[in-house]
Amino acid sequence: MSTLDPFVVEVIRHGLSAAAEEMSLVMTRSARSPLLREAGDLSSAITDAEGGLVGQGKDIPIHLGAMAYTVRELLKLCPAASLKEGDALIYNLGALGGNHLNDVKVARPVFVEGRLVAFALSLAHWPDVGGTWPGSYLAQAVDTFQEAIRIPPMPIASAAGLNQPVLDFILANVRDPVSCEGDLKAQIAATQAAERRIRELCAQHGTQVFLDAMVRLHDLSEAEMRAAILDIPDGTYEGEDFLDDGNADGSPARIHARIDIRGDEATIDLSGSADRVANFCNTTPFIARSAAAYAARIMSGREMQQNAGALRPLTIITRPGSILEPGWNAAVAAGNHETSMRIVDAMFRAMENIIPERLSAGGPATSGLLAFAEPRPDQSWRMLYEVHGGGEGARHDRDGCPATRVHLTNTSNTPAEVIEANYAIRIEQQSIRRGSGGAGRHKGGDGIVRSYRVLAPSMWLTTCVERTRMAPFGLQGGEPGAPYRITLERDGERTILSGKANLLLRQGDLVTLEGSGGGGYGSPEAG
């Protein structure tokens, strides 16, 4: 390795981060679907030539953690020697370091003077990827084949331009091809933007310095993670949390974390979690690793760059046949953002009495998803994939914030004006759910309320919401927050909907989601 100026390493680090953030900006400026333009359900990353994550945008943690594995798994099927300058590959398979099938990746190898130096990786949640139910979320799916089209690595572009036959094949299998085509072309453009920035960094500092700097960045993050683990007392710590349901009898499904701290290394054993569940809340081992790595980074109490080096001191174990390693044909649509959150909460519960000052009480650790699919007279569809936050859990030194997202999500709500301009829906209420936060020395944040009036002759609805039965927990004696609640008002009658369901709505129906409050921190009597 050449002698590296530490200032140059920092310049390159910030250059990689800026390139990834530019990718996300390109996406939000040019994507077609409101889910990407407004809510920002997308992530951008840069890896080294071996697939080690080295740069990322300010995007969605669960995406970015999985992207640490995505290119590495891709290279097992598509060796570097088979790739050429100008190539861009599209895929969504969970076995390729992935998550659920709606998260479509575009990976572009970046060459400098004929040498592969990096990959630009764009991930976007497509509002529909085919499958049994509009929106590609089927709550009681038996397997993943019911969920969506499965895309193995395919060349979507080359130096000659767009691969039209591949594009035509994909668009023939989705319900909103216009939006999907726009979103895909935005992803391709995003990876091209990153390619330009990476080449500029190589031209400015020299290709070998650029490559050596990426190695150094991995080593620096490894050293910082090891130092953080050393701050935690050696020992074995266990915690658990539960999904609302999922077992064959409908009972809550357990997520268990056993954390072994030994010197500057940590083993996070998730094998005590439930077996494969009977709905779409299974997830891939890559998502499990992403969630565990995120929680470890938060519990460190340090600001550190998330890259391949930070993962080296961590051993993360899942069990074949479990909800976290169910096999590649399992239904996984919801596990991406529901089950992953339970891993974080289980790890927080394990460390509650060891580092309580670094943790927050339970919050809206769910997507809070309502997905509306509107059939059009011309047989096309409009998809609204809308996520909802709640109240943040309180911490040792403050109350929780109201109306926010926590942990592994980082998306925004779609403005009411955008919804009403693009869909046959009227937003009739948007407010704070007062009094929903849990009591404590510090109070949990309040949730939200949002109501949707159906104006179309019919509308297909998917609910994907956790914390409807298992309320957000309090810490250190704090009380839990109010759980989520979804109601349907039809012909003057109001019914409570399941948190995981598919149903057909009628014109005039009113769907209301009430977001959970956050858990309190500390005994209320101590306030």
Protein backbone atom coordinates (compact mmCIF):
# COMPACT_ATOMS: atom_id res chain seq x y z
CA MET A 1 0.00 0.00 0.00
CA SER A 2 1.24 3.46 -0.86
CA THR A 3 1.89 5.98 1.90
CA LEU A 4 -1.43 7.65 2.54
CA ASP A 5 -1.99 11.19 3.69
CA PRO A 6 -4.78 10.95 6.31
CA PHE A 7 -6.28 14.17 4.96
CA VAL A 8 -6.52 12.64 1.51
CA VAL A 9 -8.25 9.60 3.01
CA GLU A 10 -10.83 11.92 4.57
CA VAL A 11 -11.31 13.80 1.31
CA ILE A 12 -11.94 10.53 -0.50
CA ARG A 13 -14.29 9.35 2.25
CA HIS A 14 -16.38 12.49 1.93
CA GLY A 15 -16.17 12.25 -1.86
CA LEU A 16 -17.64 8.74 -1.76
CA SER A 17 -20.41 9.84 0.60
CA ALA A 18 -21.17 12.84 -1.61
CA ALA A 19 -21.32 10.61 -4.68
CA ALA A 20 -23.81 8.30 -2.96
CA GLU A 21 -25.91 11.26 -1.82
CA GLU A 22 -25.90 12.63 -5.36
CA MET A 23 -27.27 9.28 -6.53
CA SER A 24 -30.21 9.65 -4.15
CA LEU A 25 -30.77 13.22 -5.29
CA VAL A 26 -30.87 12.09 -8.92
CA MET A 27 -33.44 9.47 -7.92
CA THR A 28 -35.76 11.85 -6.08
CA ARG A 29 -35.52 14.41 -8.88
CA SER A 30 -36.23 12.00 -11.72
CA ALA A 31 -38.21 9.00 -10.38
CA ARG A 32 -41.82 8.63 -11.45
CA SER A 33 -43.64 7.14 -8.45
CA PRO A 34 -44.51 9.33 -5.42
CA LEU A 35 -43.08 6.61 -3.19
CA LEU A 36 -39.62 7.56 -4.44
CA ARG A 37 -40.13 11.24 -5.29
CA GLU A 38 -41.88 12.18 -2.07
CA ALA A 39 -41.42 9.43 0.53
CA GLY A 40 -37.84 8.58 -0.47
CA ASP A 41 -38.08 4.79 -0.20
CA LEU A 42 -34.69 4.32 -1.85
CA SER A 43 -31.02 3.99 -0.96
CA SER A 44 -27.68 4.50 -2.69
CA ALA A 45 -24.30 2.96 -1.98
CA ILE A 46 -20.81 2.56 -3.33
CA THR A 47 -18.73 -0.54 -2.77
CA ASP A 48 -15.16 -1.46 -3.56
CA ALA A 49 -14.38 -3.89 -6.37
CA GLU A 50 -14.98 -6.87 -4.06
CA GLY A 51 -18.38 -5.58 -2.94
CA GLY A 52 -17.33 -4.18 0.45
CA LEU A 53 -19.57 -1.24 1.35
CA VAL A 54 -17.53 1.97 1.49
CA GLY A 55 -19.88 4.89 0.81
CA GLN A 56 -23.59 5.46 1.39
CA GLY A 57 -26.26 8.11 1.15
CA LYS A 58 -28.33 9.44 4.04
CA ASP A 59 -30.97 6.89 3.23
CA ILE A 60 -32.62 3.89 4.87
CA PRO A 61 -30.50 1.89 7.35
CA ILE A 62 -32.10 -1.50 6.65
CA HIS A 63 -31.37 -1.07 2.93
CA LEU A 64 -27.83 0.10 3.49
CA GLY A 65 -26.97 -2.72 5.86
CA ALA A 66 -28.14 -5.32 3.34
CA MET A 67 -26.19 -3.54 0.60
CA ALA A 68 -23.04 -4.52 2.46
CA TYR A 69 -23.70 -8.04 1.11
CA THR A 70 -25.52 -7.43 -2.17
CA VAL A 71 -22.60 -6.95 -4.55
CA ARG A 72 -20.53 -9.65 -2.85
CA GLU A 73 -23.29 -12.18 -3.47
CA LEU A 74 -23.80 -10.88 -7.01
CA LEU A 75 -20.14 -11.49 -7.84
CA LYS A 76 -20.57 -15.17 -7.00
CA LEU A 77 -22.94 -15.47 -9.97
CA CYS A 78 -21.46 -12.75 -12.18
CA PRO A 79 -17.67 -12.81 -11.73
CA ALA A 80 -15.81 -9.56 -12.20
CA ALA A 81 -14.12 -10.96 -15.32
CA SER A 82 -17.51 -11.18 -17.03
CA LEU A 83 -18.33 -7.50 -16.50
CA LYS A 84 -17.59 -4.71 -18.95
CA GLU A 85 -17.50 -0.94 -18.88
CA GLY A 86 -21.00 0.46 -19.35
CA ASP A 87 -22.76 -2.58 -17.90
CA ALA A 88 -25.64 -2.22 -15.47
CA LEU A 89 -27.31 -5.26 -13.89
CA ILE A 90 -30.83 -5.40 -12.45
CA TYR A 91 -31.97 -7.96 -9.86
CA ASN A 92 -34.12 -8.42 -6.76
CA LEU A 93 -33.51 -11.97 -5.50
CA GLY A 94 -33.20 -12.30 -1.73
CA ALA A 95 -30.42 -14.85 -2.12
CA LEU A 96 -28.21 -12.14 -3.62
CA GLY A 97 -27.66 -10.30 -0.37
CA GLY A 98 -31.15 -8.95 -0.66
CA ASN A 99 -34.38 -8.18 1.08
CA HIS A 100 -37.93 -8.32 -0.23
CA LEU A 101 -38.69 -8.46 -3.94
CA ASN A 102 -40.06 -4.91 -4.17
CA ASP A 103 -36.54 -3.62 -3.50
CA VAL A 104 -35.05 -3.68 -6.99
CA LYS A 105 -31.32 -3.12 -7.32
CA VAL A 106 -29.28 -1.74 -10.20
CA ALA A 107 -25.54 -2.39 -9.89
CA ARG A 108 -23.00 -0.68 -12.16
CA PRO A 109 -19.35 -1.77 -12.21
CA VAL A 110 -17.06 1.26 -12.44
CA PHE A 111 -13.92 0.93 -14.52
CA VAL A 112 -10.96 3.30 -14.66
CA GLU A 113 -8.48 2.71 -17.48
CA GLY A 114 -9.86 -0.78 -17.91
CA ARG A 115 -9.57 -1.68 -14.22
CA LEU A 116 -12.60 -2.46 -12.05
CA VAL A 117 -12.36 -0.13 -9.05
CA ALA A 118 -15.85 0.05 -7.54
CA PHE A 119 -19.59 -0.55 -7.90
CA ALA A 120 -22.39 2.00 -7.81
CA LEU A 121 -25.53 0.44 -6.35
CA SER A 122 -29.04 1.88 -6.47
CA LEU A 123 -31.93 0.32 -4.56
CA ALA A 124 -35.51 1.47 -5.06
CA HIS A 125 -38.77 0.11 -3.69
CA TRP A 126 -41.05 -0.37 -6.69
CA PRO A 127 -44.75 0.12 -5.79
CA ASP A 128 -45.65 -3.08 -7.66
CA VAL A 129 -43.51 -5.97 -8.89
CA GLY A 130 -46.30 -8.28 -10.00
CA GLY A 131 -47.52 -11.24 -7.97
CA THR A 132 -50.92 -12.23 -6.63
CA TRP A 133 -52.04 -8.96 -5.03
CA PRO A 134 -51.65 -5.40 -6.34
CA GLY A 135 -48.63 -3.88 -4.62
CA SER A 136 -46.92 -7.27 -4.22
CA TYR A 137 -47.79 -7.72 -0.54
CA LEU A 138 -49.92 -10.80 0.13
CA ALA A 139 -50.35 -11.17 3.88
CA GLN A 140 -50.98 -14.92 3.92
CA ALA A 141 -48.63 -15.82 1.07
CA VAL A 142 -47.53 -19.46 1.16
CA ASP A 143 -44.28 -18.69 -0.61
CA THR A 144 -42.41 -15.93 -2.40
CA PHE A 145 -43.71 -16.97 -5.81
CA GLN A 146 -47.06 -15.49 -4.82
CA GLU A 147 -45.46 -12.17 -3.96
CA ALA A 148 -43.76 -10.81 -7.06
CA ILE A 149 -41.72 -11.45 -10.17
CA ARG A 150 -38.26 -12.75 -9.27
CA ILE A 151 -35.50 -11.07 -11.27
CA PRO A 152 -32.14 -12.85 -11.43
CA PRO A 153 -29.14 -10.71 -12.44
CA MET A 154 -29.92 -9.44 -15.95
CA PRO A 155 -28.11 -6.81 -18.05
CA ILE A 156 -30.46 -3.84 -18.14
CA ALA A 157 -27.90 -1.66 -19.90
CA SER A 158 -24.52 -1.83 -21.59
CA ALA A 159 -22.19 0.57 -23.37
CA ALA A 160 -24.57 0.31 -26.33
CA GLY A 161 -27.47 1.65 -24.24
CA LEU A 162 -30.65 0.29 -22.67
CA ASN A 163 -31.37 -3.44 -23.06
CA GLN A 164 -34.89 -3.13 -24.43
CA PRO A 165 -35.83 -6.86 -24.41
CA VAL A 166 -35.02 -7.15 -20.70
CA LEU A 167 -36.93 -3.96 -19.97
CA ASP A 168 -39.92 -5.20 -21.95
CA PHE A 169 -39.91 -8.51 -20.08
CA ILE A 170 -39.95 -6.79 -16.68
CA LEU A 171 -42.60 -4.23 -17.62
CA ALA A 172 -44.84 -7.01 -18.94
CA ASN A 173 -44.99 -8.44 -15.41
CA VAL A 174 -45.86 -5.36 -13.34
CA ARG A 175 -49.19 -3.54 -12.94
CA ASP A 176 -47.91 0.02 -13.32
CA PRO A 177 -45.31 -0.22 -16.09
CA VAL A 178 -45.19 3.53 -16.67
CA SER A 179 -44.07 4.25 -13.10
CA CYS A 180 -41.72 1.27 -13.02
CA GLU A 181 -40.02 2.30 -16.25
CA GLY A 182 -39.54 5.83 -14.95
CA ASP A 183 -38.17 4.60 -11.64
CA LEU A 184 -35.81 2.15 -13.32
CA LYS A 185 -34.39 4.77 -15.67
CA ALA A 186 -33.85 7.03 -12.67
CA GLN A 187 -31.86 4.25 -11.01
CA ILE A 188 -29.72 3.80 -14.11
CA ALA A 189 -29.08 7.56 -14.23
CA ALA A 190 -28.15 7.55 -10.54
CA THR A 191 -25.48 4.90 -11.04
CA GLN A 192 -24.09 6.86 -13.99
CA ALA A 193 -23.77 9.94 -11.77
CA ALA A 194 -21.79 7.95 -9.21
CA GLU A 195 -19.59 6.52 -11.94
CA ARG A 196 -18.61 10.06 -13.00
CA ARG A 197 -17.76 11.06 -9.42
CA ILE A 198 -15.66 7.96 -8.77
CA ARG A 199 -13.67 8.58 -11.94
CA GLU A 200 -13.13 12.18 -10.87
CA LEU A 201 -11.75 11.02 -7.52
CA CYS A 202 -9.37 8.64 -9.29
CA ALA A 203 -8.24 11.37 -11.68
CA GLN A 204 -7.68 13.83 -8.84
CA HIS A 205 -5.82 11.56 -6.43
CA GLY A 206 -4.60 8.68 -8.57
CA THR A 207 -6.30 5.32 -8.98
CA GLN A 208 -3.97 3.46 -6.62
CA VAL A 209 -4.39 6.09 -3.90
CA PHE A 210 -8.17 5.81 -4.32
CA LEU A 211 -8.02 2.01 -3.94
CA ASP A 212 -5.67 2.20 -0.95
CA ALA A 213 -7.88 4.78 0.72
CA MET A 214 -10.87 2.43 0.57
CA VAL A 215 -8.80 -0.27 2.30
CA ARG A 216 -7.80 2.24 4.96
CA LEU A 217 -11.41 3.32 5.51
CA HIS A 218 -12.39 -0.29 6.20
CA ASP A 219 -9.54 -0.62 8.70
CA LEU A 220 -10.45 2.61 10.48
CA SER A 221 -14.07 1.55 10.93
CA GLU A 222 -12.98 -1.85 12.21
CA ALA A 223 -10.75 -0.22 14.81
CA GLU A 224 -13.55 2.09 15.93
CA MET A 225 -16.05 -0.76 16.27
CA ARG A 226 -13.56 -2.81 18.28
CA ALA A 227 -12.94 0.12 20.60
CA ALA A 228 -16.69 0.55 21.07
CA ILE A 229 -17.16 -3.12 21.97
CA LEU A 230 -14.32 -2.88 24.49
CA ASP A 231 -16.35 -0.22 26.32
CA ILE A 232 -19.08 -2.78 27.08
CA PRO A 233 -18.43 -5.21 29.96
CA ASP A 234 -17.71 -8.79 28.95
CA GLY A 235 -20.71 -11.02 29.44
CA THR A 236 -23.72 -12.70 27.92
CA TYR A 237 -26.90 -10.69 27.61
CA GLU A 238 -30.30 -11.87 26.38
CA GLY A 239 -33.45 -10.09 25.25
CA GLU A 240 -36.59 -10.82 23.29
CA ASP A 241 -39.43 -9.10 21.53
CA PHE A 242 -42.46 -10.37 19.64
CA LEU A 243 -44.23 -9.87 16.35
CA ASP A 244 -47.99 -9.49 16.80
CA ASP A 245 -48.64 -12.91 15.25
CA GLY A 246 -47.20 -15.39 12.78
CA ASN A 247 -47.22 -18.73 14.55
CA ALA A 248 -49.59 -21.38 13.20
CA ASP A 249 -52.05 -20.74 16.04
CA GLY A 250 -51.95 -16.97 15.50
CA SER A 251 -49.89 -16.32 18.61
CA PRO A 252 -47.02 -13.78 18.71
CA ALA A 253 -43.77 -14.87 17.06
CA ARG A 254 -40.66 -14.56 19.19
CA ILE A 255 -37.46 -12.78 18.20
CA HIS A 256 -34.63 -13.61 20.58
CA ALA A 257 -31.15 -12.11 20.78
CA ARG A 258 -28.22 -13.48 22.78
CA ILE A 259 -25.26 -11.10 22.80
CA ASP A 260 -21.83 -12.36 23.87
CA ILE A 261 -19.22 -9.66 24.48
CA ARG A 262 -15.65 -10.92 24.66
CA GLY A 263 -12.97 -8.26 24.53
CA ASP A 264 -13.24 -6.35 21.27
CA GLU A 265 -15.57 -8.81 19.53
CA ALA A 266 -19.30 -9.45 19.78
CA THR A 267 -21.38 -12.47 18.81
CA ILE A 268 -25.06 -11.79 18.20
CA ASP A 269 -26.93 -15.09 18.18
CA LEU A 270 -30.48 -14.86 16.81
CA SER A 271 -31.01 -18.60 16.47
CA GLY A 272 -33.49 -18.70 19.37
CA SER A 273 -36.07 -16.85 17.27
CA ALA A 274 -39.30 -18.45 16.04
CA ASP A 275 -39.48 -20.96 13.22
CA ARG A 276 -40.56 -19.85 9.75
CA VAL A 277 -43.92 -18.12 10.14
CA ALA A 278 -47.17 -18.61 8.25
CA ASN A 279 -47.36 -15.12 6.75
CA PHE A 280 -45.16 -12.60 4.94
CA CYS A 281 -43.05 -11.69 8.01
CA ASN A 282 -40.16 -14.03 7.30
CA THR A 283 -36.96 -12.31 6.23
CA THR A 284 -33.55 -13.05 4.77
CA PRO A 285 -30.39 -13.61 6.84
CA PHE A 286 -28.95 -10.51 5.16
CA ILE A 287 -31.71 -8.35 6.62
CA ALA A 288 -31.12 -10.00 10.01
CA ARG A 289 -27.43 -9.10 9.78
CA SER A 290 -28.29 -5.57 8.70
CA ALA A 291 -30.59 -5.07 11.70
CA ALA A 292 -28.09 -6.54 14.17
CA ALA A 293 -25.23 -4.44 12.80
CA TYR A 294 -27.38 -1.31 13.03
CA ALA A 295 -28.27 -2.02 16.66
CA ALA A 296 -24.61 -2.68 17.50
CA ARG A 297 -23.62 0.64 15.96
CA ILE A 298 -26.33 2.53 17.89
CA MET A 299 -25.39 0.82 21.16
CA SER A 300 -21.77 1.85 20.63
CA GLY A 301 -22.78 5.45 21.33
CA ARG A 302 -20.37 6.59 18.63
CA GLU A 303 -20.61 8.24 15.25
CA MET A 304 -18.86 5.83 12.91
CA GLN A 305 -18.88 5.17 9.21
CA GLN A 306 -20.86 2.09 8.30
CA ASN A 307 -18.71 0.06 5.93
CA ALA A 308 -17.37 -3.43 5.51
CA GLY A 309 -14.70 -2.91 8.17
CA ALA A 310 -17.24 -2.16 10.90
CA LEU A 311 -18.72 -5.63 10.39
CA ARG A 312 -15.48 -7.52 11.00
CA PRO A 313 -15.69 -7.65 14.83
CA LEU A 314 -19.31 -8.87 14.68
CA THR A 315 -20.43 -12.48 14.32
CA ILE A 316 -24.15 -12.67 13.57
CA ILE A 317 -25.84 -16.08 13.74
CA THR A 318 -29.21 -17.14 12.33
CA ARG A 319 -30.77 -20.59 12.24
CA PRO A 320 -31.84 -22.40 9.04
CA GLY A 321 -35.58 -22.93 9.11
CA SER A 322 -36.21 -19.96 11.38
CA ILE A 323 -38.08 -16.75 10.64
CA LEU A 324 -34.69 -15.13 9.97
CA GLU A 325 -33.39 -17.84 7.63
CA PRO A 326 -36.52 -19.48 6.24
CA GLY A 327 -35.18 -20.61 2.88
CA TRP A 328 -35.26 -18.72 -0.41
CA ASN A 329 -38.84 -19.65 -1.31
CA ALA A 330 -40.41 -18.17 1.85
CA ALA A 331 -42.70 -15.13 1.74
CA VAL A 332 -40.64 -12.17 2.95
CA ALA A 333 -42.44 -8.98 1.86
CA ALA A 334 -43.05 -7.66 5.39
CA GLY A 335 -39.96 -9.06 7.09
CA ASN A 336 -37.89 -6.33 5.50
CA HIS A 337 -39.32 -3.61 7.74
CA GLU A 338 -41.28 -5.46 10.44
CA THR A 339 -39.21 -8.42 11.60
CA SER A 340 -35.98 -6.46 11.27
CA MET A 341 -37.30 -3.94 13.78
CA ARG A 342 -38.00 -6.68 16.31
CA ILE A 343 -34.32 -7.67 16.14
CA VAL A 344 -33.31 -4.15 17.12
CA ASP A 345 -35.83 -4.08 19.97
CA ALA A 346 -34.75 -7.51 21.22
CA MET A 347 -31.13 -6.35 21.31
CA PHE A 348 -32.11 -3.17 23.13
CA ARG A 349 -33.98 -5.24 25.71
CA ALA A 350 -30.88 -7.42 26.15
CA MET A 351 -28.76 -4.37 27.01
CA GLU A 352 -31.39 -2.45 29.01
CA ASN A 353 -29.54 -2.73 32.32
CA ILE A 354 -26.02 -2.47 30.87
CA ILE A 355 -26.09 0.71 28.77
CA PRO A 356 -29.54 2.24 29.46
CA GLU A 357 -28.31 5.75 28.74
CA ARG A 358 -27.66 4.79 25.09
CA LEU A 359 -31.07 3.27 24.42
CA SER A 360 -34.57 4.53 23.75
CA ALA A 361 -37.84 2.91 24.78
CA GLY A 362 -40.00 1.19 22.19
CA GLY A 363 -41.35 3.31 19.36
CA PRO A 364 -43.19 2.94 16.04
CA ALA A 365 -40.86 0.14 14.96
CA THR A 366 -42.96 -0.80 11.94
CA SER A 367 -43.56 0.53 8.45
CA GLY A 368 -47.12 1.36 9.45
CA LEU A 369 -47.98 0.55 5.85
CA LEU A 370 -51.26 1.13 4.06
CA ALA A 371 -50.94 0.27 0.37
CA PHE A 372 -53.80 1.36 -1.89
CA ALA A 373 -54.13 0.03 -5.43
CA GLU A 374 -56.57 1.83 -7.70
CA PRO A 375 -57.75 0.01 -10.85
CA ARG A 376 -58.26 2.34 -13.82
CA PRO A 377 -60.80 2.02 -16.67
CA ASP A 378 -57.97 1.37 -19.16
CA GLN A 379 -56.91 -1.69 -17.06
CA SER A 380 -53.86 0.11 -15.69
CA TRP A 381 -53.25 0.61 -11.95
CA ARG A 382 -52.19 3.44 -9.67
CA MET A 383 -50.30 2.39 -6.55
CA LEU A 384 -50.06 4.39 -3.33
CA TYR A 385 -47.62 2.86 -0.86
CA GLU A 386 -47.90 5.00 2.25
CA VAL A 387 -45.97 4.51 5.49
CA HIS A 388 -46.90 6.00 8.85
CA GLY A 389 -44.84 6.83 11.90
CA GLY A 390 -45.75 7.25 15.52
CA GLY A 391 -44.28 8.46 18.78
CA GLU A 392 -40.59 7.97 19.52
CA GLY A 393 -39.68 6.12 22.70
CA ALA A 394 -38.38 8.29 25.52
CA ARG A 395 -34.71 8.32 26.55
CA HIS A 396 -32.93 8.78 29.87
CA ASP A 397 -32.66 12.54 29.36
CA ARG A 398 -35.74 13.58 27.35
CA ASP A 399 -39.26 12.82 26.19
CA GLY A 400 -39.81 11.05 22.89
CA CYS A 401 -40.58 13.09 19.79
CA PRO A 402 -44.11 12.89 18.33
CA ALA A 403 -44.97 11.86 14.78
CA THR A 404 -41.68 10.40 13.59
CA ARG A 405 -39.95 7.25 12.35
CA VAL A 406 -37.32 5.31 14.29
CA HIS A 407 -34.47 2.89 13.73
CA LEU A 408 -34.24 1.19 10.37
CA THR A 409 -36.58 3.42 8.38
CA ASN A 410 -35.93 6.91 7.10
CA THR A 411 -38.84 7.66 4.81
CA SER A 412 -41.22 10.61 4.78
CA ASN A 413 -44.98 10.64 4.50
CA THR A 414 -46.48 11.65 1.16
CA PRO A 415 -48.08 15.11 1.41
CA ALA A 416 -51.88 15.10 1.37
CA GLU A 417 -51.86 17.40 -1.65
CA VAL A 418 -49.75 14.95 -3.66
CA ILE A 419 -52.05 12.05 -2.76
CA GLU A 420 -55.20 13.94 -3.69
CA ALA A 421 -53.68 15.15 -6.98
CA ASN A 422 -52.62 11.67 -8.08
CA TYR A 423 -55.19 9.25 -6.61
CA ALA A 424 -58.96 9.01 -6.11
CA ILE A 425 -58.46 9.49 -2.36
CA ARG A 426 -59.24 12.39 -0.04
CA ILE A 427 -57.26 12.89 3.15
CA GLU A 428 -59.89 13.82 5.74
CA GLN A 429 -57.75 13.98 8.86
CA GLN A 430 -54.08 14.37 9.66
CA SER A 431 -53.29 15.09 13.28
CA ILE A 432 -51.37 14.12 16.42
CA ARG A 433 -52.81 11.25 18.47
CA ARG A 434 -52.80 13.09 21.79
CA GLY A 435 -52.15 11.06 24.93
CA SER A 436 -50.84 7.98 23.11
CA GLY A 437 -47.29 8.19 24.53
CA GLY A 438 -46.43 6.03 27.53
CA ALA A 439 -45.99 7.59 30.94
CA GLY A 440 -42.63 7.71 32.68
CA ARG A 441 -40.03 9.99 34.17
CA HIS A 442 -39.74 10.96 30.53
CA LYS A 443 -42.87 10.51 28.43
CA GLY A 444 -43.08 8.66 25.12
CA GLY A 445 -43.91 10.71 22.02
CA ASP A 446 -47.44 10.84 20.66
CA GLY A 447 -48.46 9.04 17.48
CA ILE A 448 -50.32 10.32 14.43
CA VAL A 449 -53.79 9.98 12.92
CA ARG A 450 -54.48 9.89 9.19
CA SER A 451 -57.78 9.14 7.43
CA TYR A 452 -58.29 8.18 3.77
CA ARG A 453 -61.67 8.49 2.02
CA VAL A 454 -62.02 6.28 -1.07
CA LEU A 455 -63.42 8.22 -4.04
CA ALA A 456 -62.90 5.57 -6.73
CA PRO A 457 -65.52 2.87 -7.44
CA SER A 458 -63.16 0.36 -5.82
CA MET A 459 -59.73 0.25 -4.20
CA TRP A 460 -57.54 -2.68 -3.14
CA LEU A 461 -55.97 -2.26 0.30
CA THR A 462 -53.03 -3.95 2.01
CA THR A 463 -52.32 -3.38 5.68
CA CYS A 464 -48.85 -4.20 6.98
CA VAL A 465 -48.60 -2.83 10.51
CA GLU A 466 -46.95 -4.26 13.61
CA ARG A 467 -47.42 -3.06 17.19
CA THR A 468 -51.20 -3.51 16.97
CA ARG A 469 -51.14 -6.15 19.74
CA MET A 470 -47.64 -5.88 21.23
CA ALA A 471 -47.46 -2.24 22.32
CA PRO A 472 -44.18 -0.28 22.23
CA PHE A 473 -42.37 -1.10 25.48
CA GLY A 474 -41.20 1.22 28.22
CA LEU A 475 -37.65 1.14 29.62
CA GLN A 476 -36.44 1.27 33.20
CA GLY A 477 -39.99 1.20 34.59
CA GLY A 478 -41.61 3.38 31.94
CA GLU A 479 -45.06 2.45 30.69
CA PRO A 480 -45.82 1.22 27.16
CA GLY A 481 -47.27 3.46 24.49
CA ALA A 482 -50.66 2.93 22.88
CA PRO A 483 -50.59 0.34 20.07
CA TYR A 484 -51.39 1.03 16.42
CA ARG A 485 -55.02 0.82 15.36
CA ILE A 486 -56.58 0.68 11.88
CA THR A 487 -60.31 1.14 11.39
CA LEU A 488 -62.69 0.93 8.45
CA GLU A 489 -65.85 3.00 8.47
CA ARG A 490 -68.46 1.75 5.97
CA ASP A 491 -72.16 2.70 5.85
CA GLY A 492 -71.97 4.21 9.31
CA GLU A 493 -70.39 1.12 10.93
CA ARG A 494 -66.82 1.02 12.17
CA THR A 495 -64.70 -2.13 12.34
CA ILE A 496 -61.11 -2.68 13.44
CA LEU A 497 -58.89 -4.10 10.69
CA SER A 498 -56.11 -6.61 11.13
CA GLY A 499 -52.58 -5.27 10.97
CA LYS A 500 -51.80 -7.71 8.17
CA ALA A 501 -54.61 -8.08 5.65
CA ASN A 502 -55.69 -7.72 2.04
CA LEU A 503 -59.19 -6.44 1.34
CA LEU A 504 -61.30 -4.73 -1.30
CA LEU A 505 -62.61 -1.25 -0.48
CA ARG A 506 -65.71 0.43 -1.87
CA GLN A 507 -66.42 4.01 -2.83
CA GLY A 508 -67.09 6.07 0.29
CA ASP A 509 -65.11 3.85 2.67
CA LEU A 510 -63.01 5.68 5.25
CA VAL A 511 -59.78 4.05 6.43
CA THR A 512 -58.11 5.57 9.49
CA LEU A 513 -54.69 4.69 10.87
CA GLU A 514 -53.73 5.70 14.40
CA GLY A 515 -49.99 5.45 14.96
CA SER A 516 -48.56 4.08 18.19
CA GLY A 517 -47.25 6.20 21.01
CA GLY A 518 -43.70 5.70 22.22
CA GLY A 519 -42.84 3.94 25.45
CA GLY A 520 -41.94 5.95 28.55
CA TYR A 521 -38.52 5.92 30.25
CA GLY A 522 -38.22 5.54 34.00
CA SER A 523 -40.91 5.09 36.60
CA PRO A 524 -43.66 7.74 36.40
CA GLU A 525 -43.39 8.18 40.19
CA ALA A 526 -39.78 9.31 39.77
CA GLY A 527 -40.77 12.21 37.50
